[in-house]
């Protein structure tokens, strides 16, 4: 497919994330991080698609990802998020949470902080399945049903919600600076408010009668009450946490598990999802032509940009397009972003016009001209 660079890396890639760019600049992202899984030796790696990439053999194509540095990672990388321009937080299958620092001058990585058994069972480690950052705060979730709150500048644990869930928690996102949303292995979304004491969620949402595991969640960047989820059945669900406990829209997306879903951070009329079935889909609301200027900025290094409240009224047509999501009636258009392949697309990230994804086919795909 035109505009896509493929890089074969001899490792299964579990996570891909762009380094944030300043919201005040028009610069496109040029640095991203990857994590690997299910390999004899796993690693976290930093790549460049810009001019500061390490030039190697003369047959490298322009835009090909160039490896800047990597560091051995203990266990599978189950999640990965940039805390800021220099630091990356990983979630490990060993239960550990690690902050790595990227030293730009020497192009090296080092461990700056480690919480070794952040997630655990009484006699064993429990995989840490998800991490979300609002610098300096870090929230992690795990198969042990715990929610952990850390600060990047403190060694201890800020808060533990010990029995947040009796089942495995698979993913987490911020709704607001004090509120998070988790999804679990029995199809529930739970809203948590860190201002409240105790171990009870402030709200629980689920599909009536269904206990289909949910694997991923993302929040609309301008409307905190709208979230997208995906799970084992490959369905894309759009929820409005203000209205009832059921999803507003359900759309057939993939034929197998959906591993990640992401709204475009500055053009939320666009959404992306990837799956075990080997596909990466670009969802576009047909009303996107009237995207207002307030949705056009870049993603800030701070979570605040993701929880910025739209001006009064917002762009109701964009919001309604998701809430009435019905691709059969032309509200949504879907495009396959990758050549057909058999192996799982495990992770994706989109920023500006750039998209990156990682696969079990031991490949990274980069598209620098996503039609946004």
Protein backbone atom coordinates (compact mmCIF):
# COMPACT_ATOMS: atom_id res chain seq x y z
CA UNK A 1 0.00 0.00 0.00
CA UNK A 2 1.24 3.46 -0.93
CA UNK A 3 2.96 5.53 1.71
CA UNK A 4 3.65 2.66 4.12
CA UNK A 5 7.17 1.76 5.24
CA UNK A 6 7.67 -1.73 6.66
CA UNK A 7 10.58 -2.57 8.93
CA UNK A 8 11.28 -6.20 9.84
CA UNK A 9 12.79 -6.42 13.31
CA UNK A 10 13.07 -10.15 14.17
CA UNK A 11 10.88 -9.67 17.24
CA UNK A 12 7.15 -9.79 17.83
CA UNK A 13 6.06 -6.22 18.56
CA UNK A 14 3.50 -5.80 21.32
CA UNK A 15 3.38 -2.00 21.66
CA UNK A 16 4.13 1.09 19.57
CA UNK A 17 3.91 4.71 20.77
CA UNK A 18 4.89 8.08 19.27
CA UNK A 19 6.94 10.45 21.39
CA UNK A 20 4.71 13.49 22.11
CA UNK A 21 5.27 16.70 20.19
CA UNK A 22 4.55 20.19 21.45
CA UNK A 23 0.96 21.26 20.87
CA UNK A 24 2.20 24.72 19.88
CA UNK A 25 4.35 23.40 17.03
CA UNK A 26 3.24 22.19 13.63
CA UNK A 27 5.96 19.56 13.74
CA UNK A 28 5.08 15.98 12.81
CA UNK A 29 6.31 13.24 15.18
CA UNK A 30 9.57 11.58 14.19
CA UNK A 31 10.48 9.42 17.21
CA UNK A 32 8.57 6.38 18.45
CA UNK A 33 9.09 3.58 20.95
CA UNK A 34 8.30 -0.11 20.64
CA UNK A 35 8.09 -3.00 23.07
CA UNK A 36 8.35 -6.69 22.25
CA UNK A 37 6.73 -9.83 23.59
CA UNK A 38 6.88 -13.64 23.33
CA UNK A 39 10.58 -13.57 22.43
CA UNK A 40 13.51 -15.22 24.16
CA UNK A 41 14.82 -11.74 24.98
CA UNK A 42 12.38 -8.85 25.01
CA UNK A 43 13.32 -5.20 24.68
CA UNK A 44 12.14 -1.63 24.55
CA UNK A 45 13.44 0.22 21.48
CA UNK A 46 13.54 3.83 20.27
CA UNK A 47 13.22 4.51 16.54
CA UNK A 48 13.50 7.55 14.31
CA UNK A 49 11.90 8.35 10.98
CA UNK A 50 13.44 11.83 10.92
CA UNK A 51 16.80 13.22 9.88
CA UNK A 52 18.42 12.33 13.20
CA UNK A 53 18.04 8.65 12.40
CA UNK A 54 21.26 6.67 12.28
CA UNK A 55 21.99 6.26 8.59
CA UNK A 56 23.08 2.75 7.78
CA UNK A 57 23.29 0.82 4.54
CA UNK A 58 22.78 2.76 1.32
CA UNK A 59 19.72 0.72 0.40
CA UNK A 60 17.62 2.20 3.21
CA UNK A 61 14.49 3.89 1.87
CA UNK A 62 13.63 7.40 2.95
CA UNK A 63 11.26 7.24 5.92
CA UNK A 64 12.36 3.76 6.97
CA UNK A 65 12.49 3.53 10.76
CA UNK A 66 16.06 3.63 12.06
CA UNK A 67 16.92 2.06 15.42
CA UNK A 68 18.40 4.67 17.78
CA UNK A 69 18.79 2.54 20.92
CA UNK A 70 17.28 -0.37 22.83
CA UNK A 71 17.32 -1.88 26.31
CA UNK A 72 16.57 -5.39 27.50
CA UNK A 73 13.14 -5.67 29.12
CA UNK A 74 12.43 -8.29 31.77
CA UNK A 75 9.23 -10.05 30.65
CA UNK A 76 6.79 -9.19 27.85
CA UNK A 77 6.04 -5.50 27.31
CA UNK A 78 2.27 -5.50 27.90
CA UNK A 79 1.89 -1.72 27.72
CA UNK A 80 4.05 1.30 27.04
CA UNK A 81 3.40 5.04 27.42
CA UNK A 82 5.50 8.18 27.18
CA UNK A 83 5.48 10.08 30.48
CA UNK A 84 7.11 13.08 28.77
CA UNK A 85 9.67 13.76 26.03
CA UNK A 86 12.40 11.83 27.83
CA UNK A 87 10.72 9.12 29.89
CA UNK A 88 8.78 5.99 28.95
CA UNK A 89 6.77 3.79 31.32
CA UNK A 90 6.38 0.06 30.65
CA UNK A 91 4.07 -2.60 32.08
CA UNK A 92 5.58 -6.08 32.28
CA UNK A 93 4.20 -9.61 32.32
CA UNK A 94 6.35 -10.04 35.45
CA UNK A 95 4.18 -7.50 37.28
CA UNK A 96 6.87 -4.82 37.20
CA UNK A 97 6.40 -1.16 36.27
CA UNK A 98 9.53 0.53 34.89
CA UNK A 99 10.40 4.11 33.92
CA UNK A 100 13.09 4.28 31.24
CA UNK A 101 14.93 7.49 30.39
CA UNK A 102 15.92 8.22 26.81
CA UNK A 103 19.19 10.18 26.70
CA UNK A 104 18.96 12.11 23.44
CA UNK A 105 22.61 13.19 23.25
CA UNK A 106 24.13 9.72 23.65
CA UNK A 107 21.13 7.85 22.17
CA UNK A 108 20.98 5.44 25.08
CA UNK A 109 18.27 4.16 27.42
CA UNK A 110 18.58 3.67 31.17
CA UNK A 111 16.25 2.57 33.98
CA UNK A 112 15.36 5.58 36.12
CA UNK A 113 12.76 3.89 38.35
CA UNK A 114 11.45 0.37 38.97
CA UNK A 115 8.54 -0.96 40.99
CA UNK A 116 9.40 -4.64 40.79
CA UNK A 117 6.26 -6.39 42.07
CA UNK A 118 3.69 -3.69 41.53
CA UNK A 119 1.18 -6.38 40.59
CA UNK A 120 1.22 -9.78 42.26
CA UNK A 121 -0.71 -12.70 43.64
CA UNK A 122 -0.01 -13.94 47.18
CA UNK A 123 2.67 -16.38 46.00
CA UNK A 124 3.47 -15.23 42.49
CA UNK A 125 3.78 -12.25 40.17
CA UNK A 126 0.72 -11.03 38.26
CA UNK A 127 1.07 -9.43 34.82
CA UNK A 128 0.74 -5.65 34.75
CA UNK A 129 -1.61 -5.23 31.79
CA UNK A 130 -2.04 -1.48 31.38
CA UNK A 131 -0.51 1.90 32.18
CA UNK A 132 -1.67 5.48 31.68
CA UNK A 133 0.28 8.65 32.50
CA UNK A 134 -0.61 12.17 33.59
CA UNK A 135 2.86 13.38 34.52
CA UNK A 136 4.05 12.98 37.18
CA UNK A 137 1.26 10.52 38.03
CA UNK A 138 1.21 6.97 36.67
CA UNK A 139 -1.74 4.59 36.99
CA UNK A 140 -1.33 0.85 36.36
CA UNK A 141 -3.74 -2.09 36.29
CA UNK A 142 -3.15 -5.83 36.32
CA UNK A 143 -4.47 -9.35 36.18
CA UNK A 144 -4.51 -9.28 40.00
CA UNK A 145 -7.45 -6.84 39.89
CA UNK A 146 -5.41 -4.05 41.53
CA UNK A 147 -5.21 -0.40 40.53
CA UNK A 148 -1.93 1.27 41.50
CA UNK A 149 -1.16 4.99 41.57
CA UNK A 150 2.49 6.10 41.46
CA UNK A 151 4.36 9.38 41.14
CA UNK A 152 7.42 9.47 38.93
CA UNK A 153 9.35 11.44 41.56
CA UNK A 154 8.53 9.12 44.49
CA UNK A 155 9.76 5.63 45.31
CA UNK A 156 6.68 4.45 47.16
CA UNK A 157 3.13 3.78 46.06
CA UNK A 158 0.78 6.77 46.22
CA UNK A 159 -2.37 4.67 46.42
CA UNK A 160 -3.54 1.08 45.95
CA UNK A 161 -7.10 0.05 45.23
CA UNK A 162 -6.53 -3.45 46.49
CA UNK A 163 -9.57 -5.36 45.24
CA UNK A 164 -10.71 -3.07 42.46
CA UNK A 165 -11.82 -6.09 40.46
CA UNK A 166 -12.41 -9.77 41.06
CA UNK A 167 -11.41 -10.40 37.43
CA UNK A 168 -8.40 -9.32 35.37
CA UNK A 169 -8.26 -5.65 34.42
CA UNK A 170 -7.05 -5.29 30.83
CA UNK A 171 -6.73 -1.55 30.17
CA UNK A 172 -7.06 1.90 31.73
CA UNK A 173 -7.48 5.50 30.55
CA UNK A 174 -7.89 8.89 32.20
CA UNK A 175 -11.30 10.53 31.89
CA UNK A 176 -10.29 13.62 33.86
CA UNK A 177 -7.29 14.43 36.02
CA UNK A 178 -8.84 12.64 39.03
CA UNK A 179 -10.94 10.03 37.22
CA UNK A 180 -9.95 6.86 35.40
CA UNK A 181 -11.86 4.22 33.47
CA UNK A 182 -10.89 0.53 33.47
CA UNK A 183 -12.09 -2.41 31.35
CA UNK A 184 -12.01 -6.02 32.48
CA UNK A 185 -12.24 -9.64 31.40
CA UNK A 186 -16.00 -9.90 32.00
CA UNK A 187 -17.02 -7.01 29.74
CA UNK A 188 -17.34 -4.25 32.34
CA UNK A 189 -16.22 -0.63 32.31
CA UNK A 190 -15.62 0.84 35.75
CA UNK A 191 -15.21 4.51 36.54
CA UNK A 192 -12.98 5.42 39.50
CA UNK A 193 -12.62 8.79 41.22
CA UNK A 194 -9.36 9.16 43.14
CA UNK A 195 -10.93 11.90 45.27
CA UNK A 196 -13.18 9.27 46.84
CA UNK A 197 -11.90 7.00 49.63
CA UNK A 198 -12.51 3.28 49.58
CA UNK A 199 -12.29 0.59 46.93
CA UNK A 200 -15.61 1.00 45.12
CA UNK A 201 -16.06 2.34 41.58
CA UNK A 202 -18.31 5.36 41.16
CA UNK A 203 -19.98 3.76 38.13
CA UNK A 204 -20.13 0.37 36.35
CA UNK A 205 -21.15 -0.06 32.71
CA UNK A 206 -21.55 -3.29 30.76
CA UNK A 207 -23.29 -5.00 27.87
CA UNK A 208 -26.41 -6.61 29.28
CA UNK A 209 -26.11 -10.38 29.38
CA UNK A 210 -22.70 -10.39 27.72
CA UNK A 211 -19.48 -11.15 29.51
CA UNK A 212 -17.23 -10.71 26.49
CA UNK A 213 -13.76 -9.66 27.69
CA UNK A 214 -12.82 -6.07 26.84
CA UNK A 215 -9.18 -5.53 25.87
CA UNK A 216 -8.88 -1.81 25.11
CA UNK A 217 -10.38 1.59 25.84
CA UNK A 218 -9.79 5.16 24.66
CA UNK A 219 -11.47 8.43 25.53
CA UNK A 220 -12.63 11.08 23.07
CA UNK A 221 -9.99 13.85 23.36
CA UNK A 222 -12.49 16.71 23.67
CA UNK A 223 -15.57 15.06 25.17
CA UNK A 224 -14.55 13.14 28.31
CA UNK A 225 -17.86 11.35 28.57
CA UNK A 226 -17.45 9.53 25.24
CA UNK A 227 -15.25 6.42 25.19
CA UNK A 228 -14.54 3.66 22.69
CA UNK A 229 -13.85 0.04 23.64
CA UNK A 230 -12.93 -3.17 21.84
CA UNK A 231 -12.70 -6.75 22.98
CA UNK A 232 -12.69 -10.44 22.27
CA UNK A 233 -15.59 -10.35 19.80
CA UNK A 234 -13.95 -7.67 17.61
CA UNK A 235 -16.88 -5.26 18.07
CA UNK A 236 -16.30 -1.52 18.35
CA UNK A 237 -18.44 -0.03 21.13
CA UNK A 238 -19.00 3.68 21.76
CA UNK A 239 -20.20 4.64 25.25
CA UNK A 240 -21.51 7.83 26.81
CA UNK A 241 -20.77 7.47 30.51
CA UNK A 242 -23.40 10.13 31.33
CA UNK A 243 -26.23 8.12 29.80
CA UNK A 244 -27.15 4.78 31.29
CA UNK A 245 -24.91 1.76 31.63
CA UNK A 246 -25.07 0.46 28.06
CA UNK A 247 -23.07 1.34 24.94
CA UNK A 248 -24.65 3.93 22.65
CA UNK A 249 -23.28 2.30 19.46
CA UNK A 250 -22.06 -1.18 18.54
CA UNK A 251 -20.31 -1.72 15.24
CA UNK A 252 -18.92 -4.85 13.66
CA UNK A 253 -15.24 -4.10 13.27
CA UNK A 254 -12.96 -7.15 13.26
CA UNK A 255 -13.38 -10.91 12.94
CA UNK A 256 -11.19 -11.58 15.98
CA UNK A 257 -9.99 -9.84 19.14
CA UNK A 258 -9.56 -6.07 18.96
CA UNK A 259 -6.31 -5.25 20.74
CA UNK A 260 -6.28 -1.44 20.60
CA UNK A 261 -8.57 1.46 19.72
CA UNK A 262 -7.51 5.11 19.49
CA UNK A 263 -9.33 8.33 18.66
CA UNK A 264 -7.11 10.68 16.68
CA UNK A 265 -5.89 13.05 19.45
CA UNK A 266 -6.61 16.27 17.52
CA UNK A 267 -9.12 15.13 14.88
CA UNK A 268 -11.52 12.89 16.80
CA UNK A 269 -13.74 12.39 13.77
CA UNK A 270 -11.11 9.75 12.98
CA UNK A 271 -10.61 6.56 14.98
CA UNK A 272 -8.26 3.60 14.49
CA UNK A 273 -8.47 -0.02 15.63
CA UNK A 274 -6.27 -3.11 15.22
CA UNK A 275 -6.88 -6.79 15.69
CA UNK A 276 -5.73 -10.37 16.00
CA UNK A 277 -7.26 -10.85 12.55
CA UNK A 278 -4.31 -8.94 11.00
CA UNK A 279 -6.22 -5.79 10.11
CA UNK A 280 -5.86 -2.12 11.00
CA UNK A 281 -8.99 -0.05 10.37
CA UNK A 282 -9.36 3.72 9.93
CA UNK A 283 -12.87 4.86 10.93
CA UNK A 284 -13.99 8.26 9.68
CA UNK A 285 -17.20 10.12 10.44
CA UNK A 286 -18.76 11.48 7.27
CA UNK A 287 -19.31 14.84 8.99
CA UNK A 288 -15.55 15.31 9.36
CA UNK A 289 -15.46 18.06 6.73
CA UNK A 290 -16.73 20.55 9.28
CA UNK A 291 -14.03 19.80 11.84
CA UNK A 292 -13.55 23.09 13.71
CA UNK A 293 -10.22 24.75 14.36
CA UNK A 294 -10.29 23.89 18.07
CA UNK A 295 -9.85 20.20 17.17
CA UNK A 296 -6.82 20.81 14.95
CA UNK A 297 -3.96 21.11 17.49
CA UNK A 298 -1.24 18.54 18.27
CA UNK A 299 -1.13 16.26 21.28
CA UNK A 300 0.47 17.84 24.30
CA UNK A 301 2.83 15.93 26.55
CA UNK A 302 0.26 16.49 29.28
CA UNK A 303 -2.94 14.56 29.70
CA UNK A 304 -4.65 17.94 30.16
CA UNK A 305 -4.77 18.34 26.38
CA UNK A 306 -6.69 15.09 26.20
CA UNK A 307 -9.19 16.29 28.76
CA UNK A 308 -9.57 19.79 27.34
CA UNK A 309 -13.22 20.73 27.29
CA UNK A 310 -14.50 21.87 23.91
CA UNK A 311 -16.03 25.35 23.65
CA UNK A 312 -19.71 25.50 24.58
CA UNK A 313 -21.71 23.38 22.20
CA UNK A 314 -18.62 21.73 20.78
CA UNK A 315 -18.90 20.20 17.34
CA UNK A 316 -22.13 18.34 17.89
CA UNK A 317 -22.13 16.76 14.44
CA UNK A 318 -18.82 15.02 15.11
CA UNK A 319 -19.97 13.80 18.50
CA UNK A 320 -23.33 12.62 17.22
CA UNK A 321 -21.67 10.74 14.37
CA UNK A 322 -19.99 8.46 16.91
CA UNK A 323 -23.03 8.16 19.13
CA UNK A 324 -25.25 7.15 16.20
CA UNK A 325 -22.43 5.04 14.77
CA UNK A 326 -23.98 3.10 11.93
CA UNK A 327 -21.61 2.44 9.06
CA UNK A 328 -24.43 0.91 7.01
CA UNK A 329 -26.19 4.29 6.85
CA UNK A 330 -23.09 6.15 5.74
CA UNK A 331 -22.35 7.84 9.06
CA UNK A 332 -18.98 6.09 9.16
CA UNK A 333 -16.50 5.07 6.50
CA UNK A 334 -13.90 2.39 7.20
CA UNK A 335 -10.61 1.90 5.38
CA UNK A 336 -8.10 -0.94 5.68
CA UNK A 337 -4.72 0.65 6.37
CA UNK A 338 -2.47 -2.39 5.86
CA UNK A 339 -1.87 -4.95 3.15
CA UNK A 340 -3.69 -8.19 3.88
CA UNK A 341 -1.82 -10.33 6.37
CA UNK A 342 -2.44 -13.33 8.58
CA UNK A 343 -0.68 -12.36 11.80
CA UNK A 344 -1.99 -10.15 14.59
CA UNK A 345 -1.64 -6.36 14.59
CA UNK A 346 -1.04 -5.86 18.31
CA UNK A 347 -0.66 -2.12 18.70
CA UNK A 348 -1.04 1.20 16.93
CA UNK A 349 -0.55 4.88 17.63
CA UNK A 350 -1.49 7.94 15.62
CA UNK A 351 -0.29 11.53 16.00
CA UNK A 352 -0.58 14.31 13.43
CA UNK A 353 -0.51 12.59 10.05
CA UNK A 354 1.70 9.76 11.26
CA UNK A 355 0.62 6.25 12.17
CA UNK A 356 2.76 3.40 13.51
CA UNK A 357 1.78 -0.18 14.28
CA UNK A 358 3.49 -3.39 15.40
CA UNK A 359 2.68 -7.00 14.54
CA UNK A 360 3.30 -10.63 15.41
CA UNK A 361 4.83 -10.84 11.92
CA UNK A 362 7.89 -9.19 13.50
CA UNK A 363 7.27 -6.01 11.53
CA UNK A 364 6.72 -2.33 12.26
CA UNK A 365 4.64 -0.35 9.76
CA UNK A 366 4.83 3.45 9.50
CA UNK A 367 2.51 5.67 7.46
CA UNK A 368 3.50 9.35 7.41
CA UNK A 369 0.59 10.52 5.26
CA UNK A 370 -2.57 9.39 6.99
CA UNK A 371 -5.52 11.24 5.37
CA UNK A 372 -6.73 13.27 8.35
